[in-house]
């Protein structure tokens, strides 16, 4: 039995050696795979940084283009003239827009609309005011068409006088 025990002991030692060797191989494979995954993660991180940088640059370019277009819209006298036709609030917005960057066309329509708005208070007079209100509305429509076309067209109701009276605008 001692010989059997010795053989069993040798077999057991061989098996333990095989298990140790397998564990070492598995440990090396795990270590190698972890190293590969770490390298992949570094590469993905670099790619993500590059994509983020590209996205940031594109966003900066788009914002710059938008700012340039907004400046162009606000400095355009035609837009000021059109906005000035949107009752009092539009007129005030157009006045602010025109004060930052005065344009001849924008100032022209600011004066026209101020005159028409002030003249519209006479529309509260019974009967005569109603007829005047219709005439003011027609003059406002004609003025709006002129602003849309980008031409300076004084209204048929005191249009030239509005230009003289409100020349400070």
N, C-alpha and C. Protein backbone atom coordinates (compact mmCIF):
# COMPACT_ATOMS: atom_id res chain seq x y z
N UNK A 1 0.79 -1.16 0.00
CA UNK A 1 0.00 0.00 0.00
C UNK A 1 0.85 1.24 0.00
N UNK A 2 1.95 1.13 0.48
CA UNK A 2 2.83 2.27 0.52
C UNK A 2 3.26 2.65 -0.88
N UNK A 3 3.35 1.65 -1.71
CA UNK A 3 3.69 1.95 -3.10
C UNK A 3 2.49 2.63 -3.75
N UNK A 4 1.31 2.18 -3.42
CA UNK A 4 0.11 2.81 -3.97
C UNK A 4 -0.03 4.24 -3.45
N UNK A 5 0.32 4.40 -2.20
CA UNK A 5 0.26 5.75 -1.62
C UNK A 5 1.27 6.67 -2.29
N UNK A 6 2.43 6.08 -2.58
CA UNK A 6 3.47 6.87 -3.23
C UNK A 6 3.02 7.26 -4.62
N UNK A 7 2.43 6.34 -5.36
CA UNK A 7 1.93 6.65 -6.71
C UNK A 7 0.80 7.67 -6.64
N UNK A 8 -0.06 7.50 -5.67
CA UNK A 8 -1.17 8.44 -5.48
C UNK A 8 -0.65 9.83 -5.13
N UNK A 9 0.36 9.86 -4.30
CA UNK A 9 0.98 11.12 -3.90
C UNK A 9 1.65 11.78 -5.09
N UNK A 10 2.32 10.97 -5.92
CA UNK A 10 2.96 11.53 -7.12
C UNK A 10 1.90 12.05 -8.10
N UNK A 11 0.81 11.30 -8.25
CA UNK A 11 -0.26 11.75 -9.14
C UNK A 11 -0.90 13.04 -8.62
N UNK A 12 -1.06 13.08 -7.33
CA UNK A 12 -1.63 14.28 -6.70
C UNK A 12 -0.71 15.47 -6.89
N UNK A 13 0.59 15.28 -6.73
CA UNK A 13 1.56 16.36 -6.94
C UNK A 13 1.54 16.83 -8.40
N UNK A 14 1.42 15.86 -9.33
CA UNK A 14 1.35 16.22 -10.75
C UNK A 14 0.09 17.05 -11.04
N UNK A 15 -1.01 16.63 -10.42
CA UNK A 15 -2.27 17.34 -10.62
C UNK A 15 -2.20 18.75 -10.03
N UNK A 16 -1.59 18.85 -8.87
CA UNK A 16 -1.44 20.17 -8.24
C UNK A 16 -0.55 21.05 -9.10
N UNK A 17 0.51 20.48 -9.64
CA UNK A 17 1.40 21.22 -10.54
C UNK A 17 0.67 21.68 -11.79
N UNK A 18 -0.16 20.77 -12.35
CA UNK A 18 -0.95 21.13 -13.53
C UNK A 18 -1.93 22.27 -13.22
N UNK A 19 -2.56 22.22 -12.05
CA UNK A 19 -3.52 23.25 -11.64
C UNK A 19 -2.79 24.58 -11.47
N UNK A 20 -1.59 24.52 -10.84
CA UNK A 20 -0.82 25.76 -10.65
C UNK A 20 -0.42 26.36 -12.00
N UNK A 21 0.02 25.46 -12.91
CA UNK A 21 0.43 25.92 -14.23
C UNK A 21 -0.77 26.50 -14.99
N UNK A 22 -1.94 25.87 -14.89
CA UNK A 22 -3.16 26.37 -15.53
C UNK A 22 -3.59 27.71 -14.93
N UNK A 23 -3.45 27.83 -13.61
CA UNK A 23 -3.80 29.09 -12.96
C UNK A 23 -2.88 30.20 -13.42
N UNK A 24 -1.58 29.89 -13.58
CA UNK A 24 -0.62 30.89 -14.06
C UNK A 24 -0.97 31.33 -15.48
N UNK A 25 -1.30 30.33 -16.35
CA UNK A 25 -1.67 30.66 -17.72
C UNK A 25 -2.94 31.52 -17.75
N UNK A 26 -3.93 31.14 -16.93
CA UNK A 26 -5.18 31.90 -16.87
C UNK A 26 -4.91 33.32 -16.36
N UNK A 27 -4.04 33.43 -15.35
CA UNK A 27 -3.68 34.75 -14.82
C UNK A 27 -3.01 35.61 -15.87
N UNK A 28 -2.11 34.99 -16.68
CA UNK A 28 -1.44 35.73 -17.75
C UNK A 28 -2.45 36.18 -18.80
N UNK A 29 -3.39 35.28 -19.16
CA UNK A 29 -4.40 35.63 -20.16
C UNK A 29 -5.29 36.78 -19.65
N UNK A 30 -5.68 36.69 -18.39
CA UNK A 30 -6.51 37.74 -17.79
C UNK A 30 -5.75 39.06 -17.77
N UNK A 31 -4.50 39.01 -17.38
CA UNK A 31 -3.67 40.21 -17.34
C UNK A 31 -3.50 40.81 -18.74
N UNK A 32 -3.27 39.93 -19.73
CA UNK A 32 -3.11 40.39 -21.11
C UNK A 32 -4.41 41.03 -21.62
N UNK A 33 -5.54 40.37 -21.33
CA UNK A 33 -6.83 40.88 -21.77
C UNK A 33 -7.14 42.22 -21.08
N UNK A 34 -6.81 42.34 -19.80
CA UNK A 34 -7.03 43.60 -19.08
C UNK A 34 -6.17 44.71 -19.68
N UNK A 35 -4.95 44.37 -20.06
CA UNK A 35 -4.07 45.35 -20.68
C UNK A 35 -4.64 45.81 -22.03
N UNK A 36 -5.15 44.85 -22.83
CA UNK A 36 -5.76 45.19 -24.11
C UNK A 36 -6.98 46.09 -23.92
N UNK A 37 -7.82 45.75 -22.93
CA UNK A 37 -9.00 46.56 -22.66
C UNK A 37 -8.62 47.97 -22.20
N UNK A 38 -7.56 48.07 -21.40
CA UNK A 38 -7.10 49.39 -20.96
C UNK A 38 -6.61 50.21 -22.15
N UNK A 39 -5.90 49.56 -23.08
CA UNK A 39 -5.44 50.26 -24.28
C UNK A 39 -6.63 50.72 -25.13
N UNK A 40 -7.64 49.84 -25.26
CA UNK A 40 -8.84 50.20 -26.01
C UNK A 40 -9.55 51.38 -25.36
N UNK A 41 -9.62 51.36 -24.04
CA UNK A 41 -10.28 52.45 -23.32
C UNK A 41 -9.53 53.77 -23.53
N UNK A 42 -8.20 53.71 -23.53
CA UNK A 42 -7.41 54.92 -23.78
C UNK A 42 -7.68 55.45 -25.19
N UNK A 43 -7.74 54.54 -26.15
CA UNK A 43 -7.99 54.93 -27.54
C UNK A 43 -9.38 55.55 -27.68
N UNK A 44 -10.38 54.93 -27.04
CA UNK A 44 -11.73 55.48 -27.09
C UNK A 44 -11.80 56.85 -26.41
N UNK A 45 -11.06 57.00 -25.34
CA UNK A 45 -11.01 58.28 -24.65
C UNK A 45 -10.43 59.36 -25.55
N UNK A 46 -9.37 59.03 -26.28
CA UNK A 46 -8.77 59.99 -27.22
C UNK A 46 -9.76 60.36 -28.31
N UNK A 47 -10.46 59.34 -28.84
CA UNK A 47 -11.45 59.60 -29.89
C UNK A 47 -12.58 60.47 -29.36
N UNK A 48 -13.02 60.22 -28.14
CA UNK A 48 -14.10 61.01 -27.55
C UNK A 48 -13.65 62.46 -27.37
N UNK A 49 -12.42 62.66 -26.95
CA UNK A 49 -11.90 64.02 -26.78
C UNK A 49 -11.84 64.73 -28.13
N UNK A 50 -11.41 64.01 -29.16
CA UNK A 50 -11.34 64.60 -30.50
C UNK A 50 -12.73 64.97 -31.00
N UNK A 51 -13.70 64.07 -30.80
CA UNK A 51 -15.08 64.35 -31.22
C UNK A 51 -15.64 65.55 -30.46
N UNK A 52 -15.39 65.60 -29.17
CA UNK A 52 -15.87 66.73 -28.36
C UNK A 52 -15.24 68.03 -28.83
N UNK A 53 -13.98 67.99 -29.16
CA UNK A 53 -13.29 69.18 -29.65
C UNK A 53 -13.87 69.62 -31.00
N UNK A 54 -14.13 68.67 -31.89
CA UNK A 54 -14.73 68.99 -33.18
C UNK A 54 -16.12 69.60 -32.98
N UNK A 55 -16.89 68.99 -32.08
CA UNK A 55 -18.24 69.48 -31.81
C UNK A 55 -18.18 70.90 -31.25
N UNK A 56 -17.25 71.16 -30.34
CA UNK A 56 -17.12 72.49 -29.75
C UNK A 56 -16.74 73.52 -30.82
N UNK A 57 -15.83 73.14 -31.72
CA UNK A 57 -15.43 74.05 -32.79
C UNK A 57 -16.59 74.35 -33.73
N UNK A 58 -17.37 73.33 -34.06
CA UNK A 58 -18.54 73.53 -34.92
C UNK A 58 -19.55 74.43 -34.23
N UNK A 59 -19.75 74.23 -32.93
CA UNK A 59 -20.70 75.06 -32.18
C UNK A 59 -20.23 76.51 -32.17
N UNK A 60 -18.94 76.73 -31.99
CA UNK A 60 -18.40 78.10 -32.01
C UNK A 60 -18.62 78.75 -33.37
N UNK A 61 -18.39 78.00 -34.43
CA UNK A 61 -18.58 78.53 -35.78
C UNK A 61 -20.05 78.89 -36.02
N UNK A 62 -20.95 78.00 -35.62
CA UNK A 62 -22.38 78.25 -35.80
C UNK A 62 -22.83 79.47 -34.99
N UNK A 63 -22.33 79.58 -33.76
CA UNK A 63 -22.69 80.73 -32.93
C UNK A 63 -22.18 82.03 -33.55
N UNK A 64 -20.99 81.98 -34.10
CA UNK A 64 -20.42 83.17 -34.75
C UNK A 64 -21.24 83.55 -35.98
N UNK A 65 -21.63 82.56 -36.77
CA UNK A 65 -22.46 82.83 -37.95
C UNK A 65 -23.81 83.42 -37.54
N UNK A 66 -24.40 82.86 -36.48
CA UNK A 66 -25.69 83.36 -36.00
C UNK A 66 -25.55 84.81 -35.53
N UNK A 67 -24.47 85.10 -34.80
CA UNK A 67 -24.26 86.47 -34.32
C UNK A 67 -24.09 87.44 -35.49
N UNK A 68 -23.36 87.02 -36.51
CA UNK A 68 -23.17 87.88 -37.68
C UNK A 68 -24.51 88.12 -38.40
N UNK A 69 -25.31 87.06 -38.54
CA UNK A 69 -26.61 87.20 -39.18
C UNK A 69 -27.54 88.08 -38.35
N UNK A 70 -27.49 87.94 -37.03
CA UNK A 70 -28.33 88.76 -36.16
C UNK A 70 -27.94 90.24 -36.28
N UNK A 71 -26.63 90.51 -36.33
CA UNK A 71 -26.18 91.89 -36.50
C UNK A 71 -26.68 92.46 -37.82
N UNK A 72 -26.66 91.64 -38.86
CA UNK A 72 -27.12 92.08 -40.17
C UNK A 72 -28.61 92.40 -40.15
N UNK A 73 -29.39 91.55 -39.48
CA UNK A 73 -30.83 91.77 -39.40
C UNK A 73 -31.13 93.05 -38.63
N UNK A 74 -30.44 93.25 -37.50
CA UNK A 74 -30.71 94.42 -36.67
C UNK A 74 -30.23 95.71 -37.33
N UNK A 75 -29.22 95.61 -38.17
CA UNK A 75 -28.70 96.82 -38.81
C UNK A 75 -29.43 97.15 -40.11
N UNK A 76 -30.26 96.27 -40.57
CA UNK A 76 -30.97 96.48 -41.83
C UNK A 76 -32.15 97.42 -41.59
N UNK A 77 -32.17 98.55 -42.30
CA UNK A 77 -33.24 99.53 -42.15
C UNK A 77 -34.59 98.99 -42.56
N UNK A 78 -34.60 98.07 -43.52
CA UNK A 78 -35.86 97.48 -43.97
C UNK A 78 -36.54 96.73 -42.82
N UNK A 79 -35.76 95.97 -42.06
CA UNK A 79 -36.34 95.22 -40.94
C UNK A 79 -36.85 96.18 -39.86
N UNK A 80 -36.10 97.24 -39.60
CA UNK A 80 -36.55 98.24 -38.63
C UNK A 80 -37.87 98.85 -39.09
N UNK A 81 -37.95 99.16 -40.38
CA UNK A 81 -39.18 99.74 -40.93
C UNK A 81 -40.37 98.81 -40.80
N UNK A 82 -40.15 97.54 -41.05
CA UNK A 82 -41.25 96.55 -40.96
C UNK A 82 -41.68 96.38 -39.50
N UNK A 83 -40.70 96.24 -38.61
CA UNK A 83 -41.03 96.03 -37.19
C UNK A 83 -41.74 97.26 -36.61
N UNK A 84 -41.40 98.45 -37.11
CA UNK A 84 -42.04 99.66 -36.58
C UNK A 84 -43.54 99.69 -36.86
N UNK A 85 -44.03 98.88 -37.78
CA UNK A 85 -45.45 98.84 -38.11
C UNK A 85 -46.26 97.98 -37.13
N UNK A 86 -45.60 97.28 -36.21
CA UNK A 86 -46.31 96.39 -35.28
C UNK A 86 -46.73 97.19 -34.05
N UNK A 87 -47.68 98.00 -34.22
CA UNK A 87 -48.26 98.87 -33.20
C UNK A 87 -47.21 99.47 -32.29
N UNK A 88 -47.54 99.80 -31.06
CA UNK A 88 -46.60 100.53 -30.19
C UNK A 88 -45.40 99.69 -29.78
N UNK A 89 -45.61 98.45 -29.43
CA UNK A 89 -44.49 97.62 -28.97
C UNK A 89 -43.48 97.41 -30.09
N UNK A 90 -43.96 97.19 -31.28
CA UNK A 90 -43.05 97.04 -32.42
C UNK A 90 -42.32 98.34 -32.71
N UNK A 91 -43.03 99.45 -32.56
CA UNK A 91 -42.41 100.75 -32.80
C UNK A 91 -41.29 100.99 -31.80
N UNK A 92 -41.52 100.65 -30.53
CA UNK A 92 -40.49 100.83 -29.50
C UNK A 92 -39.29 99.92 -29.77
N UNK A 93 -39.54 98.68 -30.14
CA UNK A 93 -38.45 97.75 -30.47
C UNK A 93 -37.66 98.28 -31.66
N UNK A 94 -38.37 98.77 -32.68
CA UNK A 94 -37.69 99.32 -33.87
C UNK A 94 -36.88 100.55 -33.50
N UNK A 95 -37.40 101.38 -32.59
CA UNK A 95 -36.68 102.58 -32.15
C UNK A 95 -35.37 102.19 -31.47
N UNK A 96 -35.42 101.15 -30.63
CA UNK A 96 -34.20 100.67 -29.95
C UNK A 96 -33.22 100.09 -30.96
N UNK A 97 -33.75 99.30 -31.89
CA UNK A 97 -32.88 98.72 -32.92
C UNK A 97 -32.21 99.81 -33.76
N UNK A 98 -32.98 100.84 -34.09
CA UNK A 98 -32.45 101.91 -34.94
C UNK A 98 -31.49 102.81 -34.16
N UNK A 99 -31.67 102.93 -32.85
CA UNK A 99 -30.76 103.78 -32.08
C UNK A 99 -29.36 103.18 -31.98
N UNK A 100 -29.27 101.86 -32.04
CA UNK A 100 -27.95 101.21 -32.01
C UNK A 100 -27.20 101.38 -33.31
N UNK A 101 -27.92 101.36 -34.41
CA UNK A 101 -27.29 101.46 -35.73
C UNK A 101 -28.27 102.18 -36.65
N UNK A 102 -28.19 103.49 -36.67
CA UNK A 102 -29.16 104.29 -37.43
C UNK A 102 -29.08 104.00 -38.91
N UNK A 103 -30.25 103.88 -39.50
CA UNK A 103 -30.35 103.75 -40.96
C UNK A 103 -31.39 104.74 -41.44
N UNK A 104 -31.20 105.24 -42.62
CA UNK A 104 -32.11 106.25 -43.17
C UNK A 104 -33.51 105.67 -43.37
N UNK A 105 -33.57 104.45 -43.88
CA UNK A 105 -34.86 103.81 -44.13
C UNK A 105 -35.59 103.52 -42.81
N UNK A 106 -34.87 103.01 -41.83
CA UNK A 106 -35.48 102.72 -40.53
C UNK A 106 -36.01 103.97 -39.87
N UNK A 107 -35.24 105.05 -39.88
CA UNK A 107 -35.68 106.32 -39.29
C UNK A 107 -36.90 106.87 -40.03
N UNK A 108 -36.91 106.73 -41.35
CA UNK A 108 -38.04 107.21 -42.15
C UNK A 108 -39.34 106.55 -41.67
N UNK A 109 -39.33 105.21 -41.53
CA UNK A 109 -40.56 104.52 -41.14
C UNK A 109 -40.89 104.69 -39.67
N UNK A 110 -39.91 104.95 -38.85
CA UNK A 110 -40.20 105.28 -37.44
C UNK A 110 -40.99 106.59 -37.39
N UNK A 111 -40.57 107.59 -38.17
CA UNK A 111 -41.28 108.87 -38.19
C UNK A 111 -42.69 108.72 -38.78
N UNK A 112 -42.81 107.95 -39.87
CA UNK A 112 -44.12 107.74 -40.50
C UNK A 112 -45.10 107.10 -39.52
N UNK A 113 -44.64 106.05 -38.85
CA UNK A 113 -45.55 105.32 -37.95
C UNK A 113 -45.88 106.09 -36.69
N UNK A 114 -44.93 106.87 -36.19
CA UNK A 114 -45.24 107.70 -35.03
C UNK A 114 -46.35 108.68 -35.40
N UNK A 115 -46.25 109.29 -36.57
CA UNK A 115 -47.29 110.21 -37.02
C UNK A 115 -48.63 109.51 -37.18
N UNK A 116 -48.63 108.33 -37.78
CA UNK A 116 -49.89 107.59 -37.95
C UNK A 116 -50.49 107.17 -36.61
N UNK A 117 -49.64 106.75 -35.68
CA UNK A 117 -50.14 106.34 -34.37
C UNK A 117 -50.75 107.53 -33.63
N UNK A 118 -50.08 108.66 -33.69
CA UNK A 118 -50.63 109.85 -33.02
C UNK A 118 -51.91 110.32 -33.70
N UNK A 119 -51.93 110.25 -35.00
CA UNK A 119 -53.12 110.65 -35.76
C UNK A 119 -54.29 109.71 -35.47
N UNK A 120 -54.00 108.47 -35.13
CA UNK A 120 -55.07 107.49 -34.89
C UNK A 120 -55.89 107.83 -33.63
N UNK A 121 -55.37 108.69 -32.76
CA UNK A 121 -56.15 109.09 -31.59
C UNK A 121 -57.38 109.91 -31.99
N UNK A 122 -57.30 110.52 -33.17
CA UNK A 122 -58.46 111.28 -33.66
C UNK A 122 -59.60 110.37 -34.10
N UNK A 123 -59.32 109.10 -34.23
CA UNK A 123 -60.36 108.14 -34.65
C UNK A 123 -61.42 107.95 -33.57
N UNK A 124 -61.20 108.46 -32.39
CA UNK A 124 -62.19 108.34 -31.31
C UNK A 124 -63.34 109.35 -31.47
N UNK A 125 -63.15 110.29 -32.36
CA UNK A 125 -64.21 111.27 -32.61
C UNK A 125 -65.33 110.54 -33.38
N UNK A 126 -66.57 110.66 -32.93
CA UNK A 126 -67.66 109.97 -33.63
C UNK A 126 -67.79 110.41 -35.09
N UNK A 127 -68.14 109.49 -35.92
CA UNK A 127 -68.38 109.58 -37.36
C UNK A 127 -67.17 110.11 -38.14
N UNK A 128 -66.79 111.36 -37.95
CA UNK A 128 -65.64 111.91 -38.68
C UNK A 128 -64.38 111.11 -38.34
N UNK A 129 -64.23 110.74 -37.09
CA UNK A 129 -63.08 109.95 -36.66
C UNK A 129 -63.07 108.55 -37.26
N UNK A 130 -64.26 108.00 -37.47
CA UNK A 130 -64.33 106.66 -38.06
C UNK A 130 -63.82 106.69 -39.50
N UNK A 131 -64.21 107.71 -40.22
CA UNK A 131 -63.72 107.85 -41.59
C UNK A 131 -62.21 108.08 -41.60
N UNK A 132 -61.76 108.91 -40.65
CA UNK A 132 -60.33 109.17 -40.53
C UNK A 132 -59.60 107.88 -40.14
N UNK A 133 -60.21 107.06 -39.30
CA UNK A 133 -59.62 105.78 -38.89
C UNK A 133 -59.41 104.85 -40.07
N UNK A 134 -60.38 104.83 -40.98
CA UNK A 134 -60.26 104.00 -42.18
C UNK A 134 -59.13 104.53 -43.05
N UNK A 135 -59.05 105.85 -43.19
CA UNK A 135 -57.99 106.46 -44.00
C UNK A 135 -56.62 106.19 -43.38
N UNK A 136 -56.55 106.24 -42.06
CA UNK A 136 -55.27 105.96 -41.37
C UNK A 136 -54.88 104.49 -41.58
N UNK A 137 -55.84 103.59 -41.52
CA UNK A 137 -55.56 102.17 -41.73
C UNK A 137 -55.04 101.93 -43.15
N UNK A 138 -55.66 102.58 -44.15
CA UNK A 138 -55.21 102.44 -45.54
C UNK A 138 -53.79 103.01 -45.67
N UNK A 139 -53.54 104.16 -45.04
CA UNK A 139 -52.19 104.76 -45.08
C UNK A 139 -51.18 103.82 -44.42
N UNK A 140 -51.59 103.16 -43.33
CA UNK A 140 -50.69 102.24 -42.63
C UNK A 140 -50.36 101.04 -43.53
N UNK A 141 -51.34 100.51 -44.23
CA UNK A 141 -51.13 99.39 -45.15
C UNK A 141 -50.17 99.80 -46.26
N UNK A 142 -50.38 100.98 -46.84
CA UNK A 142 -49.50 101.46 -47.91
C UNK A 142 -48.07 101.65 -47.37
N UNK A 143 -47.97 102.16 -46.16
CA UNK A 143 -46.65 102.34 -45.53
C UNK A 143 -45.97 100.99 -45.30
N UNK A 144 -46.74 100.02 -44.85
CA UNK A 144 -46.18 98.68 -44.63
C UNK A 144 -45.69 98.07 -45.94
N UNK A 145 -46.44 98.24 -47.00
CA UNK A 145 -46.02 97.73 -48.31
C UNK A 145 -44.72 98.41 -48.74
N UNK A 146 -44.62 99.71 -48.50
CA UNK A 146 -43.38 100.43 -48.82
C UNK A 146 -42.21 99.91 -48.01
N UNK A 147 -42.43 99.62 -46.73
CA UNK A 147 -41.35 99.09 -45.88
C UNK A 147 -40.94 97.70 -46.35
N UNK A 148 -41.92 96.88 -46.72
CA UNK A 148 -41.60 95.54 -47.21
C UNK A 148 -40.78 95.58 -48.50
N UNK A 149 -41.04 96.58 -49.33
CA UNK A 149 -40.30 96.70 -50.59
C UNK A 149 -38.97 97.41 -50.40
N UNK A 150 -38.76 98.01 -49.23
CA UNK A 150 -37.49 98.69 -48.95
C UNK A 150 -37.41 100.08 -49.57
N UNK A 151 -38.55 100.66 -49.89
CA UNK A 151 -38.60 102.00 -50.49
C UNK A 151 -39.18 103.00 -49.50
N UNK A 152 -38.72 104.24 -49.60
CA UNK A 152 -39.26 105.30 -48.73
C UNK A 152 -40.45 105.94 -49.44
N UNK A 153 -41.65 105.58 -48.97
CA UNK A 153 -42.87 106.14 -49.53
C UNK A 153 -43.62 106.87 -48.42
N UNK A 154 -43.69 108.20 -48.47
CA UNK A 154 -44.46 108.91 -47.44
C UNK A 154 -45.95 108.63 -47.60
N UNK A 155 -46.64 108.60 -46.49
CA UNK A 155 -48.08 108.33 -46.53
C UNK A 155 -48.80 109.54 -47.12
N UNK A 156 -49.99 109.29 -47.66
CA UNK A 156 -50.76 110.38 -48.26
C UNK A 156 -51.34 111.30 -47.19
N UNK A 157 -51.38 110.84 -45.94
CA UNK A 157 -51.87 111.68 -44.85
C UNK A 157 -50.68 112.30 -44.12
N UNK A 158 -50.31 113.46 -44.45
CA UNK A 158 -49.28 114.21 -43.74
C UNK A 158 -47.92 113.52 -43.70
N UNK A 159 -47.63 112.63 -44.64
CA UNK A 159 -46.37 111.87 -44.63
C UNK A 159 -45.14 112.75 -44.63
N UNK A 160 -45.12 113.77 -45.48
CA UNK A 160 -43.96 114.67 -45.52
C UNK A 160 -43.86 115.51 -44.25
N UNK A 161 -44.99 115.89 -43.69
CA UNK A 161 -44.97 116.65 -42.44
C UNK A 161 -44.44 115.79 -41.29
N UNK A 162 -44.78 114.51 -41.28
CA UNK A 162 -44.25 113.61 -40.24
C UNK A 162 -42.73 113.59 -40.29
N UNK A 163 -42.18 113.63 -41.50
CA UNK A 163 -40.72 113.61 -41.64
C UNK A 163 -40.10 114.88 -41.07
N UNK A 164 -40.77 116.00 -41.25
CA UNK A 164 -40.26 117.26 -40.72
C UNK A 164 -40.46 117.35 -39.21
N UNK A 165 -41.65 117.00 -38.76
CA UNK A 165 -41.98 117.14 -37.34
C UNK A 165 -41.13 116.23 -36.45
N UNK A 166 -40.86 115.03 -36.92
CA UNK A 166 -40.15 114.04 -36.10
C UNK A 166 -38.74 113.77 -36.59
N UNK A 167 -38.09 114.79 -37.17
CA UNK A 167 -36.76 114.55 -37.76
C UNK A 167 -35.70 114.22 -36.71
N UNK A 168 -36.00 114.38 -35.43
CA UNK A 168 -35.04 114.02 -34.37
C UNK A 168 -34.89 112.49 -34.25
N UNK A 169 -35.84 111.74 -34.77
CA UNK A 169 -35.77 110.27 -34.67
C UNK A 169 -34.80 109.70 -35.68
